[in-house]
Amino acid sequence: MLTLDHVAVRYSGRPVLRDVSFSIGPGEIVAYLGANGAGKTTTMRVVTGLATPDFGRVLFAGRDVAEDPRGYHRRLGYVPETAEVYPFLSGREYLVLAGRLLAEGADVRAW
């Protein structure tokens, strides 16, 4: 269902991901392990659409996510390593914000 196909990313001309390819099928649980600096965070940024690969592509259900990023984001669920807390919002305000984002299909890359 999710496939990375020969993904490569460079930052300031420096390669940080080189030829990353893998597929995750429906119902599969995957651990993505590696040393600090191995590219785990960059890979997740590519998967979530927060970074664009310089080469390769990300496929979801057989479709290139670049063709319909908003549709992809509507179907994507991601639990980060650390939960973000917004200390300036009350609990109610946070729930209202989350509900509005969900209802409007917000594009997280705009944040």
N, C-alpha and C. Protein backbone atom coordinates (compact mmCIF):
# COMPACT_ATOMS: atom_id res chain seq x y z
N MET A 1 0.82 -1.20 0.00
CA MET A 1 0.00 0.00 0.00
C MET A 1 0.86 1.26 0.00
N LEU A 2 1.98 1.28 0.74
CA LEU A 2 2.90 2.41 0.73
C LEU A 2 4.23 1.91 0.19
N THR A 3 4.73 2.59 -0.83
CA THR A 3 5.98 2.19 -1.46
C THR A 3 6.88 3.40 -1.66
N LEU A 4 8.12 3.28 -1.25
CA LEU A 4 9.15 4.24 -1.62
C LEU A 4 9.96 3.58 -2.72
N ASP A 5 10.12 4.28 -3.83
CA ASP A 5 10.75 3.72 -5.01
C ASP A 5 12.00 4.53 -5.36
N HIS A 6 13.15 4.03 -4.94
CA HIS A 6 14.45 4.64 -5.25
C HIS A 6 14.51 6.12 -4.84
N VAL A 7 14.09 6.42 -3.63
CA VAL A 7 14.04 7.80 -3.14
C VAL A 7 15.43 8.28 -2.73
N ALA A 8 15.75 9.48 -3.17
CA ALA A 8 17.01 10.13 -2.78
C ALA A 8 16.70 11.58 -2.43
N VAL A 9 17.37 12.08 -1.39
CA VAL A 9 17.21 13.46 -0.95
C VAL A 9 18.59 14.04 -0.68
N ARG A 10 18.75 15.29 -1.09
CA ARG A 10 19.98 16.03 -0.83
C ARG A 10 19.62 17.31 -0.10
N TYR A 11 20.42 17.69 0.87
CA TYR A 11 20.30 18.98 1.55
C TYR A 11 21.58 19.75 1.30
N SER A 12 21.45 20.93 0.74
CA SER A 12 22.62 21.76 0.41
C SER A 12 23.64 20.99 -0.41
N GLY A 13 23.15 20.19 -1.34
CA GLY A 13 24.03 19.42 -2.20
C GLY A 13 24.59 18.15 -1.59
N ARG A 14 24.31 17.93 -0.32
CA ARG A 14 24.83 16.76 0.40
C ARG A 14 23.78 15.66 0.43
N PRO A 15 24.10 14.45 -0.04
CA PRO A 15 23.11 13.37 -0.01
C PRO A 15 22.82 12.93 1.42
N VAL A 16 21.52 12.88 1.77
CA VAL A 16 21.13 12.39 3.10
C VAL A 16 20.32 11.10 2.99
N LEU A 17 19.73 10.86 1.84
CA LEU A 17 19.09 9.56 1.53
C LEU A 17 19.58 9.14 0.16
N ARG A 18 19.93 7.89 0.04
CA ARG A 18 20.41 7.36 -1.24
C ARG A 18 19.66 6.09 -1.58
N ASP A 19 18.87 6.15 -2.63
CA ASP A 19 18.23 4.96 -3.20
C ASP A 19 17.45 4.13 -2.17
N VAL A 20 16.57 4.78 -1.41
CA VAL A 20 15.76 4.09 -0.42
C VAL A 20 14.52 3.52 -1.10
N SER A 21 14.35 2.21 -0.97
CA SER A 21 13.18 1.54 -1.54
C SER A 21 12.64 0.53 -0.54
N PHE A 22 11.34 0.57 -0.33
CA PHE A 22 10.66 -0.45 0.47
C PHE A 22 9.17 -0.33 0.24
N SER A 23 8.46 -1.39 0.59
CA SER A 23 7.00 -1.41 0.49
C SER A 23 6.43 -1.91 1.80
N ILE A 24 5.31 -1.33 2.19
CA ILE A 24 4.58 -1.75 3.39
C ILE A 24 3.17 -2.07 2.94
N GLY A 25 2.74 -3.30 3.19
CA GLY A 25 1.42 -3.74 2.78
C GLY A 25 0.36 -3.45 3.82
N PRO A 26 -0.90 -3.58 3.44
CA PRO A 26 -2.00 -3.36 4.39
C PRO A 26 -1.87 -4.26 5.61
N GLY A 27 -2.02 -3.68 6.78
CA GLY A 27 -1.97 -4.44 8.03
C GLY A 27 -0.58 -4.74 8.54
N GLU A 28 0.45 -4.41 7.79
CA GLU A 28 1.81 -4.66 8.24
C GLU A 28 2.25 -3.61 9.25
N ILE A 29 3.05 -4.03 10.19
CA ILE A 29 3.65 -3.13 11.17
C ILE A 29 5.15 -3.17 10.93
N VAL A 30 5.74 -1.99 10.82
CA VAL A 30 7.15 -1.90 10.45
C VAL A 30 7.91 -1.07 11.47
N ALA A 31 9.10 -1.51 11.82
CA ALA A 31 10.02 -0.72 12.63
C ALA A 31 11.11 -0.22 11.68
N TYR A 32 11.39 1.06 11.74
CA TYR A 32 12.40 1.66 10.88
C TYR A 32 13.55 2.11 11.78
N LEU A 33 14.59 1.31 11.81
CA LEU A 33 15.69 1.50 12.76
C LEU A 33 16.97 1.93 12.07
N GLY A 34 17.78 2.66 12.79
CA GLY A 34 19.08 3.05 12.26
C GLY A 34 19.78 3.98 13.23
N ALA A 35 21.05 4.15 13.00
CA ALA A 35 21.87 5.02 13.85
C ALA A 35 21.46 6.48 13.64
N ASN A 36 21.86 7.33 14.57
CA ASN A 36 21.65 8.77 14.40
C ASN A 36 22.29 9.21 13.10
N GLY A 37 21.57 10.01 12.33
CA GLY A 37 22.09 10.49 11.07
C GLY A 37 21.91 9.55 9.90
N ALA A 38 21.22 8.43 10.12
CA ALA A 38 21.05 7.44 9.05
C ALA A 38 19.98 7.84 8.03
N GLY A 39 19.12 8.81 8.38
CA GLY A 39 18.10 9.24 7.43
C GLY A 39 16.68 8.86 7.80
N LYS A 40 16.46 8.39 9.01
CA LYS A 40 15.12 7.98 9.43
C LYS A 40 14.14 9.15 9.41
N THR A 41 14.53 10.26 9.99
CA THR A 41 13.64 11.43 10.04
C THR A 41 13.39 11.97 8.64
N THR A 42 14.42 12.04 7.82
CA THR A 42 14.24 12.51 6.45
C THR A 42 13.30 11.59 5.69
N THR A 43 13.43 10.29 5.88
CA THR A 43 12.53 9.35 5.23
C THR A 43 11.09 9.61 5.65
N MET A 44 10.87 9.83 6.95
CA MET A 44 9.51 10.09 7.42
C MET A 44 8.99 11.42 6.89
N ARG A 45 9.85 12.39 6.72
CA ARG A 45 9.43 13.67 6.13
C ARG A 45 9.00 13.47 4.69
N VAL A 46 9.69 12.62 3.97
CA VAL A 46 9.30 12.32 2.58
C VAL A 46 7.96 11.58 2.58
N VAL A 47 7.82 10.58 3.45
CA VAL A 47 6.58 9.79 3.51
C VAL A 47 5.38 10.68 3.85
N THR A 48 5.57 11.64 4.77
CA THR A 48 4.45 12.50 5.18
C THR A 48 4.25 13.70 4.25
N GLY A 49 5.14 13.88 3.29
CA GLY A 49 5.00 15.00 2.36
C GLY A 49 5.61 16.29 2.86
N LEU A 50 6.35 16.24 3.95
CA LEU A 50 7.00 17.44 4.47
C LEU A 50 8.32 17.71 3.77
N ALA A 51 8.81 16.73 3.02
CA ALA A 51 10.01 16.90 2.19
C ALA A 51 9.73 16.24 0.85
N THR A 52 10.31 16.80 -0.19
CA THR A 52 10.14 16.27 -1.53
C THR A 52 11.41 15.57 -1.96
N PRO A 53 11.30 14.34 -2.45
CA PRO A 53 12.52 13.66 -2.89
C PRO A 53 13.12 14.33 -4.12
N ASP A 54 14.44 14.33 -4.19
CA ASP A 54 15.13 14.83 -5.38
C ASP A 54 15.07 13.81 -6.50
N PHE A 55 14.91 12.56 -6.12
CA PHE A 55 14.82 11.48 -7.08
C PHE A 55 13.91 10.41 -6.49
N GLY A 56 13.25 9.66 -7.33
CA GLY A 56 12.38 8.59 -6.87
C GLY A 56 10.98 9.10 -6.61
N ARG A 57 10.15 8.21 -6.04
CA ARG A 57 8.77 8.58 -5.80
C ARG A 57 8.19 7.80 -4.63
N VAL A 58 7.10 8.34 -4.11
CA VAL A 58 6.34 7.70 -3.04
C VAL A 58 4.99 7.31 -3.64
N LEU A 59 4.63 6.06 -3.48
CA LEU A 59 3.35 5.57 -3.99
C LEU A 59 2.47 5.16 -2.83
N PHE A 60 1.20 5.49 -2.92
CA PHE A 60 0.22 5.05 -1.93
C PHE A 60 -0.93 4.42 -2.71
N ALA A 61 -1.22 3.17 -2.41
CA ALA A 61 -2.25 2.41 -3.13
C ALA A 61 -1.99 2.45 -4.63
N GLY A 62 -0.70 2.39 -5.00
CA GLY A 62 -0.32 2.33 -6.40
C GLY A 62 -0.26 3.66 -7.13
N ARG A 63 -0.62 4.75 -6.46
CA ARG A 63 -0.61 6.08 -7.09
C ARG A 63 0.51 6.93 -6.52
N ASP A 64 1.14 7.70 -7.39
CA ASP A 64 2.19 8.61 -6.96
C ASP A 64 1.55 9.71 -6.13
N VAL A 65 2.02 9.89 -4.90
CA VAL A 65 1.40 10.87 -4.00
C VAL A 65 1.56 12.29 -4.52
N ALA A 66 2.54 12.54 -5.38
CA ALA A 66 2.74 13.88 -5.94
C ALA A 66 1.58 14.28 -6.86
N GLU A 67 0.84 13.31 -7.37
CA GLU A 67 -0.29 13.60 -8.25
C GLU A 67 -1.48 14.20 -7.50
N ASP A 68 -1.65 13.81 -6.24
CA ASP A 68 -2.77 14.30 -5.43
C ASP A 68 -2.36 14.36 -3.97
N PRO A 69 -1.48 15.31 -3.62
CA PRO A 69 -0.99 15.36 -2.24
C PRO A 69 -2.09 15.59 -1.20
N ARG A 70 -3.09 16.41 -1.53
CA ARG A 70 -4.17 16.65 -0.56
C ARG A 70 -4.97 15.36 -0.31
N GLY A 71 -5.26 14.63 -1.35
CA GLY A 71 -5.97 13.36 -1.19
C GLY A 71 -5.16 12.37 -0.37
N TYR A 72 -3.86 12.34 -0.59
CA TYR A 72 -2.97 11.48 0.18
C TYR A 72 -2.98 11.87 1.65
N HIS A 73 -2.86 13.18 1.93
CA HIS A 73 -2.84 13.63 3.32
C HIS A 73 -4.15 13.32 4.04
N ARG A 74 -5.24 13.31 3.32
CA ARG A 74 -6.52 12.97 3.95
C ARG A 74 -6.57 11.52 4.41
N ARG A 75 -5.76 10.67 3.80
CA ARG A 75 -5.76 9.24 4.14
C ARG A 75 -4.59 8.84 5.01
N LEU A 76 -3.68 9.78 5.27
CA LEU A 76 -2.46 9.47 6.01
C LEU A 76 -2.66 9.67 7.49
N GLY A 77 -2.19 8.71 8.27
CA GLY A 77 -2.14 8.84 9.72
C GLY A 77 -0.70 8.70 10.15
N TYR A 78 -0.26 9.59 11.02
CA TYR A 78 1.14 9.57 11.44
C TYR A 78 1.21 9.91 12.92
N VAL A 79 1.90 9.08 13.69
CA VAL A 79 2.11 9.33 15.11
C VAL A 79 3.59 9.61 15.31
N PRO A 80 3.95 10.87 15.59
CA PRO A 80 5.37 11.20 15.75
C PRO A 80 5.94 10.64 17.04
N GLU A 81 7.25 10.66 17.13
CA GLU A 81 7.93 10.15 18.31
C GLU A 81 7.53 10.91 19.57
N THR A 82 7.36 12.22 19.43
CA THR A 82 6.94 13.03 20.57
C THR A 82 5.66 13.76 20.20
N ALA A 83 4.73 13.82 21.13
CA ALA A 83 3.47 14.52 20.89
C ALA A 83 3.71 16.02 21.02
N GLU A 84 3.13 16.76 20.12
CA GLU A 84 3.25 18.22 20.18
C GLU A 84 2.20 18.75 21.16
N VAL A 85 2.61 19.64 22.01
CA VAL A 85 1.71 20.25 22.98
C VAL A 85 1.70 21.75 22.71
N TYR A 86 0.53 22.33 22.71
CA TYR A 86 0.38 23.75 22.47
C TYR A 86 -0.03 24.41 23.79
N PRO A 87 0.93 24.89 24.58
CA PRO A 87 0.63 25.41 25.91
C PRO A 87 -0.24 26.67 25.90
N PHE A 88 -0.34 27.34 24.76
CA PHE A 88 -1.14 28.56 24.68
C PHE A 88 -2.61 28.26 24.39
N LEU A 89 -2.96 26.97 24.17
CA LEU A 89 -4.35 26.58 23.93
C LEU A 89 -4.90 25.82 25.13
N SER A 90 -6.15 26.07 25.44
CA SER A 90 -6.82 25.25 26.46
C SER A 90 -7.13 23.89 25.82
N GLY A 91 -7.51 22.93 26.63
CA GLY A 91 -7.90 21.63 26.10
C GLY A 91 -9.02 21.75 25.08
N ARG A 92 -10.02 22.55 25.40
CA ARG A 92 -11.15 22.76 24.48
C ARG A 92 -10.69 23.40 23.17
N GLU A 93 -9.84 24.43 23.26
CA GLU A 93 -9.34 25.11 22.06
C GLU A 93 -8.55 24.14 21.17
N TYR A 94 -7.77 23.27 21.80
CA TYR A 94 -7.01 22.29 21.03
C TYR A 94 -7.94 21.34 20.29
N LEU A 95 -8.98 20.85 20.97
CA LEU A 95 -9.93 19.94 20.32
C LEU A 95 -10.67 20.63 19.18
N VAL A 96 -11.04 21.90 19.36
CA VAL A 96 -11.69 22.66 18.29
C VAL A 96 -10.74 22.79 17.10
N LEU A 97 -9.47 23.12 17.36
CA LEU A 97 -8.48 23.23 16.29
C LEU A 97 -8.35 21.91 15.54
N ALA A 98 -8.19 20.82 16.26
CA ALA A 98 -8.03 19.51 15.63
C ALA A 98 -9.26 19.16 14.80
N GLY A 99 -10.45 19.44 15.32
CA GLY A 99 -11.68 19.18 14.58
C GLY A 99 -11.78 19.99 13.31
N ARG A 100 -11.40 21.25 13.37
CA ARG A 100 -11.43 22.10 12.17
C ARG A 100 -10.44 21.62 11.13
N LEU A 101 -9.25 21.24 11.57
CA LEU A 101 -8.25 20.73 10.62
C LEU A 101 -8.75 19.47 9.94
N LEU A 102 -9.34 18.59 10.70
CA LEU A 102 -9.87 17.35 10.14
C LEU A 102 -11.02 17.63 9.18
N ALA A 103 -11.93 18.51 9.56
CA ALA A 103 -13.09 18.81 8.73
C ALA A 103 -12.71 19.51 7.43
N GLU A 104 -11.67 20.34 7.48
CA GLU A 104 -11.27 21.12 6.31
C GLU A 104 -10.23 20.41 5.47
N GLY A 105 -9.75 19.25 5.93
CA GLY A 105 -8.72 18.54 5.18
C GLY A 105 -7.48 19.38 5.01
N ALA A 106 -7.03 20.00 6.09
CA ALA A 106 -5.91 20.93 6.04
C ALA A 106 -4.67 20.28 5.45
N ASP A 107 -3.93 21.04 4.70
CA ASP A 107 -2.67 20.62 4.13
C ASP A 107 -1.60 20.93 5.17
N VAL A 108 -1.05 19.88 5.82
CA VAL A 108 -0.12 20.09 6.91
C VAL A 108 1.17 20.77 6.45
N ARG A 109 1.49 20.69 5.18
CA ARG A 109 2.72 21.32 4.70
C ARG A 109 2.63 22.84 4.79
N ALA A 110 1.42 23.39 4.90
CA ALA A 110 1.26 24.84 4.98
C ALA A 110 1.61 25.38 6.37
N TRP A 111 1.82 24.50 7.34
CA TRP A 111 2.08 24.93 8.71
C TRP A 111 3.49 25.33 8.88
